[in-house]
Amino acid sequence: MAEVVEMMPMGGTPPLDDILAGLEESVLRGARLHKEPPAVDTLRKKMIGRWQHGKYFEEAPDGTLVRKAG
């Protein structure tokens, strides 16, 4: 998830398809070897999980998850 956060602007979220396309092959390979394949739905679920634990993301006024400041 750290790689995903590094790709996001502070306080913003690019389309999840763009994030997946920008990840390094080694990250995608690791995801494929894990329980769930790299896909938009999987990425969204992982982001929500991190947000619920107060890591990496915060909720924007419009309800989207954005990169946490700081």
PDB file of N, CA and C in Angstrom:
ATOM      1  N   MET A   1       0.824  -1.185   0.000  1.00  0.00           N
ATOM      2  CA  MET A   1       0.000   0.000   0.000  1.00  0.00           C
ATOM      3  C   MET A   1       0.873   1.256   0.000  1.00  0.00           C
ATOM      4  N   ALA A   2       2.086   1.156   0.522  1.00  0.00           N
ATOM      5  CA  ALA A   2       2.977   2.314   0.528  1.00  0.00           C
ATOM      6  C   ALA A   2       3.269   2.793  -0.890  1.00  0.00           C
ATOM      7  N   GLU A   3       3.402   1.870  -1.822  1.00  0.00           N
ATOM      8  CA  GLU A   3       3.649   2.233  -3.216  1.00  0.00           C
ATOM      9  C   GLU A   3       2.460   2.985  -3.805  1.00  0.00           C
ATOM     10  N   VAL A   4       1.266   2.578  -3.433  1.00  0.00           N
ATOM     11  CA  VAL A   4       0.054   3.244  -3.917  1.00  0.00           C
ATOM     12  C   VAL A   4       0.017   4.670  -3.386  1.00  0.00           C
ATOM     13  N   VAL A   5       0.274   4.839  -2.123  1.00  0.00           N
ATOM     14  CA  VAL A   5       0.222   6.163  -1.496  1.00  0.00           C
ATOM     15  C   VAL A   5       1.238   7.102  -2.136  1.00  0.00           C
ATOM     16  N   GLU A   6       2.425   6.597  -2.453  1.00  0.00           N
ATOM     17  CA  GLU A   6       3.458   7.434  -3.072  1.00  0.00           C
ATOM     18  C   GLU A   6       3.026   7.966  -4.435  1.00  0.00           C
ATOM     19  N   MET A   7       2.135   7.265  -5.106  1.00  0.00           N
ATOM     20  CA  MET A   7       1.673   7.683  -6.430  1.00  0.00           C
ATOM     21  C   MET A   7       0.562   8.723  -6.368  1.00  0.00           C
ATOM     22  N   MET A   8      -0.006   8.922  -5.188  1.00  0.00           N
ATOM     23  CA  MET A   8      -1.152   9.814  -5.044  1.00  0.00           C
ATOM     24  C   MET A   8      -0.716  11.217  -4.627  1.00  0.00           C
ATOM     25  N   PRO A   9      -1.361  12.235  -5.197  1.00  0.00           N
ATOM     26  CA  PRO A   9      -1.087  13.593  -4.727  1.00  0.00           C
ATOM     27  C   PRO A   9      -1.690  13.794  -3.339  1.00  0.00           C
ATOM     28  N   MET A  10      -1.107  14.667  -2.552  1.00  0.00           N
ATOM     29  CA  MET A  10      -1.641  14.963  -1.233  1.00  0.00           C
ATOM     30  C   MET A  10      -3.064  15.477  -1.365  1.00  0.00           C
ATOM     31  N   GLY A  11      -3.988  14.845  -0.638  1.00  0.00           N
ATOM     32  CA  GLY A  11      -5.380  15.268  -0.651  1.00  0.00           C
ATOM     33  C   GLY A  11      -6.135  14.888  -1.911  1.00  0.00           C
ATOM     34  N   GLY A  12      -5.568  13.981  -2.718  1.00  0.00           N
ATOM     35  CA  GLY A  12      -6.243  13.604  -3.953  1.00  0.00           C
ATOM     36  C   GLY A  12      -6.133  12.117  -4.233  1.00  0.00           C
ATOM     37  N   THR A  13      -6.939  11.660  -5.172  1.00  0.00           N
ATOM     38  CA  THR A  13      -6.925  10.266  -5.581  1.00  0.00           C
ATOM     39  C   THR A  13      -7.097  10.190  -7.086  1.00  0.00           C
ATOM     40  N   PRO A  14      -6.074   9.724  -7.798  1.00  0.00           N
ATOM     41  CA  PRO A  14      -6.271   9.499  -9.233  1.00  0.00           C
ATOM     42  C   PRO A  14      -7.171   8.273  -9.433  1.00  0.00           C
ATOM     43  N   PRO A  15      -7.683   8.062 -10.635  1.00  0.00           N
ATOM     44  CA  PRO A  15      -8.492   6.863 -10.878  1.00  0.00           C
ATOM     45  C   PRO A  15      -7.709   5.600 -10.503  1.00  0.00           C
ATOM     46  N   LEU A  16      -8.403   4.645  -9.909  1.00  0.00           N
ATOM     47  CA  LEU A  16      -7.730   3.431  -9.443  1.00  0.00           C
ATOM     48  C   LEU A  16      -7.099   2.652 -10.592  1.00  0.00           C
ATOM     49  N   ASP A  17      -7.677   2.723 -11.784  1.00  0.00           N
ATOM     50  CA  ASP A  17      -7.068   2.087 -12.961  1.00  0.00           C
ATOM     51  C   ASP A  17      -5.686   2.673 -13.233  1.00  0.00           C
ATOM     52  N   ASP A  18      -5.566   3.991 -13.076  1.00  0.00           N
ATOM     53  CA  ASP A  18      -4.275   4.647 -13.302  1.00  0.00           C
ATOM     54  C   ASP A  18      -3.250   4.223 -12.262  1.00  0.00           C
ATOM     55  N   ILE A  19      -3.694   4.059 -11.028  1.00  0.00           N
ATOM     56  CA  ILE A  19      -2.785   3.614  -9.972  1.00  0.00           C
ATOM     57  C   ILE A  19      -2.278   2.212 -10.287  1.00  0.00           C
ATOM     58  N   LEU A  20      -3.173   1.300 -10.625  1.00  0.00           N
ATOM     59  CA  LEU A  20      -2.764  -0.070 -10.952  1.00  0.00           C
ATOM     60  C   LEU A  20      -1.792  -0.097 -12.125  1.00  0.00           C
ATOM     61  N   ALA A  21      -2.070   0.712 -13.141  1.00  0.00           N
ATOM     62  CA  ALA A  21      -1.211   0.751 -14.330  1.00  0.00           C
ATOM     63  C   ALA A  21       0.177   1.299 -14.007  1.00  0.00           C
ATOM     64  N   GLY A  22       0.272   2.132 -12.983  1.00  0.00           N
ATOM     65  CA  GLY A  22       1.547   2.745 -12.634  1.00  0.00           C
ATOM     66  C   GLY A  22       2.397   1.962 -11.657  1.00  0.00           C
ATOM     67  N   LEU A  23       1.862   0.886 -11.107  1.00  0.00           N
ATOM     68  CA  LEU A  23       2.636   0.095 -10.146  1.00  0.00           C
ATOM     69  C   LEU A  23       3.723  -0.702 -10.852  1.00  0.00           C
ATOM     70  N   GLU A  24       4.833  -0.874 -10.177  1.00  0.00           N
ATOM     71  CA  GLU A  24       5.938  -1.639 -10.740  1.00  0.00           C
ATOM     72  C   GLU A  24       5.545  -3.101 -10.884  1.00  0.00           C
ATOM     73  N   GLU A  25       6.149  -3.763 -11.851  1.00  0.00           N
ATOM     74  CA  GLU A  25       5.835  -5.164 -12.119  1.00  0.00           C
ATOM     75  C   GLU A  25       6.087  -6.037 -10.895  1.00  0.00           C
ATOM     76  N   SER A  26       7.103  -5.723 -10.107  1.00  0.00           N
ATOM     77  CA  SER A  26       7.396  -6.527  -8.922  1.00  0.00           C
ATOM     78  C   SER A  26       6.266  -6.453  -7.900  1.00  0.00           C
ATOM     79  N   VAL A  27       5.635  -5.292  -7.781  1.00  0.00           N
ATOM     80  CA  VAL A  27       4.504  -5.129  -6.863  1.00  0.00           C
ATOM     81  C   VAL A  27       3.307  -5.925  -7.380  1.00  0.00           C
ATOM     82  N   LEU A  28       3.049  -5.829  -8.672  1.00  0.00           N
ATOM     83  CA  LEU A  28       1.935  -6.573  -9.265  1.00  0.00           C
ATOM     84  C   LEU A  28       2.154  -8.079  -9.162  1.00  0.00           C
ATOM     85  N   ARG A  29       3.395  -8.517  -9.367  1.00  0.00           N
ATOM     86  CA  ARG A  29       3.713  -9.942  -9.256  1.00  0.00           C
ATOM     87  C   ARG A  29       3.470 -10.421  -7.829  1.00  0.00           C
ATOM     88  N   GLY A  30       3.883  -9.644  -6.851  1.00  0.00           N
ATOM     89  CA  GLY A  30       3.644  -9.992  -5.453  1.00  0.00           C
ATOM     90  C   GLY A  30       2.168 -10.082  -5.137  1.00  0.00           C
ATOM     91  N   ALA A  31       1.391  -9.162  -5.713  1.00  0.00           N
ATOM     92  CA  ALA A  31      -0.053  -9.184  -5.490  1.00  0.00           C
ATOM     93  C   ALA A  31      -0.676 -10.431  -6.110  1.00  0.00           C
ATOM     94  N   ARG A  32      -0.197 -10.807  -7.293  1.00  0.00           N
ATOM     95  CA  ARG A  32      -0.736 -12.010  -7.938  1.00  0.00           C
ATOM     96  C   ARG A  32      -0.430 -13.262  -7.128  1.00  0.00           C
ATOM     97  N   LEU A  33       0.710 -13.280  -6.466  1.00  0.00           N
ATOM     98  CA  LEU A  33       1.088 -14.439  -5.663  1.00  0.00           C
ATOM     99  C   LEU A  33       0.373 -14.472  -4.320  1.00  0.00           C
ATOM    100  N   HIS A  34      -0.208 -13.345  -3.936  1.00  0.00           N
ATOM    101  CA  HIS A  34      -0.946 -13.256  -2.679  1.00  0.00           C
ATOM    102  C   HIS A  34      -2.358 -13.811  -2.895  1.00  0.00           C
ATOM    103  N   LYS A  35      -3.211 -13.669  -1.935  1.00  0.00           N
ATOM    104  CA  LYS A  35      -4.555 -14.251  -1.991  1.00  0.00           C
ATOM    105  C   LYS A  35      -5.447 -13.653  -3.071  1.00  0.00           C
ATOM    106  N   GLU A  36      -5.269 -12.374  -3.385  1.00  0.00           N
ATOM    107  CA  GLU A  36      -6.166 -11.702  -4.314  1.00  0.00           C
ATOM    108  C   GLU A  36      -5.382 -11.073  -5.457  1.00  0.00           C
ATOM    109  N   PRO A  37      -5.874 -11.188  -6.681  1.00  0.00           N
ATOM    110  CA  PRO A  37      -5.172 -10.604  -7.824  1.00  0.00           C
ATOM    111  C   PRO A  37      -5.265  -9.073  -7.798  1.00  0.00           C
ATOM    112  N   PRO A  38      -4.309  -8.406  -8.444  1.00  0.00           N
ATOM    113  CA  PRO A  38      -4.377  -6.941  -8.503  1.00  0.00           C
ATOM    114  C   PRO A  38      -5.518  -6.505  -9.420  1.00  0.00           C
ATOM    115  N   ALA A  39      -6.512  -5.877  -8.842  1.00  0.00           N
ATOM    116  CA  ALA A  39      -7.673  -5.391  -9.580  1.00  0.00           C
ATOM    117  C   ALA A  39      -8.226  -4.170  -8.853  1.00  0.00           C
ATOM    118  N   VAL A  40      -9.035  -3.397  -9.551  1.00  0.00           N
ATOM    119  CA  VAL A  40      -9.603  -2.174  -8.967  1.00  0.00           C
ATOM    120  C   VAL A  40     -10.389  -2.493  -7.699  1.00  0.00           C
ATOM    121  N   ASP A  41     -11.216  -3.526  -7.725  1.00  0.00           N
ATOM    122  CA  ASP A  41     -12.012  -3.874  -6.540  1.00  0.00           C
ATOM    123  C   ASP A  41     -11.129  -4.262  -5.360  1.00  0.00           C
ATOM    124  N   THR A  42     -10.077  -4.998  -5.622  1.00  0.00           N
ATOM    125  CA  THR A  42      -9.145  -5.399  -4.563  1.00  0.00           C
ATOM    126  C   THR A  42      -8.439  -4.182  -3.997  1.00  0.00           C
ATOM    127  N   LEU A  43      -7.973  -3.284  -4.872  1.00  0.00           N
ATOM    128  CA  LEU A  43      -7.292  -2.075  -4.426  1.00  0.00           C
ATOM    129  C   LEU A  43      -8.221  -1.228  -3.563  1.00  0.00           C
ATOM    130  N   ARG A  44      -9.460  -1.056  -4.010  1.00  0.00           N
ATOM    131  CA  ARG A  44     -10.441  -0.268  -3.238  1.00  0.00           C
ATOM    132  C   ARG A  44     -10.652  -0.881  -1.849  1.00  0.00           C
ATOM    133  N   LYS A  45     -10.792  -2.201  -1.800  1.00  0.00           N
ATOM    134  CA  LYS A  45     -11.005  -2.889  -0.523  1.00  0.00           C
ATOM    135  C   LYS A  45      -9.805  -2.695   0.412  1.00  0.00           C
ATOM    136  N   LYS A  46      -8.598  -2.797  -0.140  1.00  0.00           N
ATOM    137  CA  LYS A  46      -7.389  -2.625   0.671  1.00  0.00           C
ATOM    138  C   LYS A  46      -7.270  -1.189   1.177  1.00  0.00           C
ATOM    139  N   MET A  47      -7.617  -0.232   0.337  1.00  0.00           N
ATOM    140  CA  MET A  47      -7.568   1.175   0.748  1.00  0.00           C
ATOM    141  C   MET A  47      -8.566   1.441   1.872  1.00  0.00           C
ATOM    142  N   ILE A  48      -9.767   0.904   1.767  1.00  0.00           N
ATOM    143  CA  ILE A  48     -10.782   1.089   2.811  1.00  0.00           C
ATOM    144  C   ILE A  48     -10.300   0.473   4.122  1.00  0.00           C
ATOM    145  N   GLY A  49      -9.691  -0.691   4.047  1.00  0.00           N
ATOM    146  CA  GLY A  49      -9.161  -1.332   5.250  1.00  0.00           C
ATOM    147  C   GLY A  49      -8.111  -0.482   5.940  1.00  0.00           C
ATOM    148  N   ARG A  50      -7.208   0.103   5.149  1.00  0.00           N
ATOM    149  CA  ARG A  50      -6.165   0.960   5.742  1.00  0.00           C
ATOM    150  C   ARG A  50      -6.793   2.208   6.341  1.00  0.00           C
ATOM    151  N   TRP A  51      -7.772   2.793   5.645  1.00  0.00           N
ATOM    152  CA  TRP A  51      -8.461   3.987   6.154  1.00  0.00           C
ATOM    153  C   TRP A  51      -9.152   3.681   7.478  1.00  0.00           C
ATOM    154  N   GLN A  52      -9.808   2.527   7.570  1.00  0.00           N
ATOM    155  CA  GLN A  52     -10.504   2.154   8.802  1.00  0.00           C
ATOM    156  C   GLN A  52      -9.530   2.017   9.978  1.00  0.00           C
ATOM    157  N   HIS A  53      -8.282   1.706   9.688  1.00  0.00           N
ATOM    158  CA  HIS A  53      -7.273   1.591  10.739  1.00  0.00           C
ATOM    159  C   HIS A  53      -6.456   2.873  10.911  1.00  0.00           C
ATOM    160  N   GLY A  54      -6.874   3.946  10.236  1.00  0.00           N
ATOM    161  CA  GLY A  54      -6.213   5.240  10.392  1.00  0.00           C
ATOM    162  C   GLY A  54      -4.876   5.353   9.689  1.00  0.00           C
ATOM    163  N   LYS A  55      -4.653   4.507   8.682  1.00  0.00           N
ATOM    164  CA  LYS A  55      -3.363   4.526   7.983  1.00  0.00           C
ATOM    165  C   LYS A  55      -3.535   5.001   6.546  1.00  0.00           C
ATOM    166  N   TYR A  56      -2.611   5.805   6.089  1.00  0.00           N
ATOM    167  CA  TYR A  56      -2.441   6.208   4.700  1.00  0.00           C
ATOM    168  C   TYR A  56      -3.526   7.118   4.121  1.00  0.00           C
ATOM    169  N   PHE A  57      -4.789   6.907   4.463  1.00  0.00           N
ATOM    170  CA  PHE A  57      -5.882   7.609   3.790  1.00  0.00           C
ATOM    171  C   PHE A  57      -6.811   8.298   4.783  1.00  0.00           C
ATOM    172  N   GLU A  58      -7.497   9.327   4.264  1.00  0.00           N
ATOM    173  CA  GLU A  58      -8.546  10.001   5.023  1.00  0.00           C
ATOM    174  C   GLU A  58      -9.706  10.251   4.069  1.00  0.00           C
ATOM    175  N   GLU A  59     -10.869  10.501   4.635  1.00  0.00           N
ATOM    176  CA  GLU A  59     -12.054  10.708   3.816  1.00  0.00           C
ATOM    177  C   GLU A  59     -12.187  12.179   3.448  1.00  0.00           C
ATOM    178  N   ALA A  60     -12.356  12.430   2.164  1.00  0.00           N
ATOM    179  CA  ALA A  60     -12.556  13.795   1.674  1.00  0.00           C
ATOM    180  C   ALA A  60     -14.009  14.198   1.897  1.00  0.00           C
ATOM    181  N   PRO A  61     -14.318  15.495   1.835  1.00  0.00           N
ATOM    182  CA  PRO A  61     -15.703  15.940   2.015  1.00  0.00           C
ATOM    183  C   PRO A  61     -16.696  15.277   1.050  1.00  0.00           C
ATOM    184  N   ASP A  62     -16.227  14.888  -0.133  1.00  0.00           N
ATOM    185  CA  ASP A  62     -17.134  14.245  -1.095  1.00  0.00           C
ATOM    186  C   ASP A  62     -17.256  12.740  -0.868  1.00  0.00           C
ATOM    187  N   GLY A  63     -16.584  12.220   0.168  1.00  0.00           N
ATOM    188  CA  GLY A  63     -16.698  10.804   0.520  1.00  0.00           C
ATOM    189  C   GLY A  63     -15.638   9.901  -0.063  1.00  0.00           C
ATOM    190  N   THR A  64     -14.787  10.427  -0.933  1.00  0.00           N
ATOM    191  CA  THR A  64     -13.710   9.609  -1.507  1.00  0.00           C
ATOM    192  C   THR A  64     -12.549   9.508  -0.523  1.00  0.00           C
ATOM    193  N   LEU A  65     -11.725   8.512  -0.716  1.00  0.00           N
ATOM    194  CA  LEU A  65     -10.519   8.380   0.098  1.00  0.00           C
ATOM    195  C   LEU A  65      -9.373   9.088  -0.598  1.00  0.00           C
ATOM    196  N   VAL A  66      -8.657   9.901   0.149  1.00  0.00           N
ATOM    197  CA  VAL A  66      -7.530  10.644  -0.388  1.00  0.00           C
ATOM    198  C   VAL A  66      -6.295  10.372   0.463  1.00  0.00           C
ATOM    199  N   ARG A  67      -5.147  10.709  -0.081  1.00  0.00           N
ATOM    200  CA  ARG A  67      -3.899  10.529   0.661  1.00  0.00           C
ATOM    201  C   ARG A  67      -3.926  11.378   1.917  1.00  0.00           C
ATOM    202  N   LYS A  68      -3.575  10.754   3.016  1.00  0.00           N
ATOM    203  CA  LYS A  68      -3.572  11.425   4.314  1.00  0.00           C
ATOM    204  C   LYS A  68      -2.418  12.427   4.367  1.00  0.00           C
ATOM    205  N   ALA A  69      -2.701  13.608   4.847  1.00  0.00           N
ATOM    206  CA  ALA A  69      -1.668  14.633   4.994  1.00  0.00           C
ATOM    207  C   ALA A  69      -0.699  14.246   6.099  1.00  0.00           C
ATOM    208  N   GLY A  70       0.554  14.532   5.862  1.00  0.00           N
ATOM    209  CA  GLY A  70       1.561  14.292   6.894  1.00  0.00           C
ATOM    210  C   GLY A  70       2.142  13.001   6.804  1.00  0.00           C
TER     211      GLY A  70
END
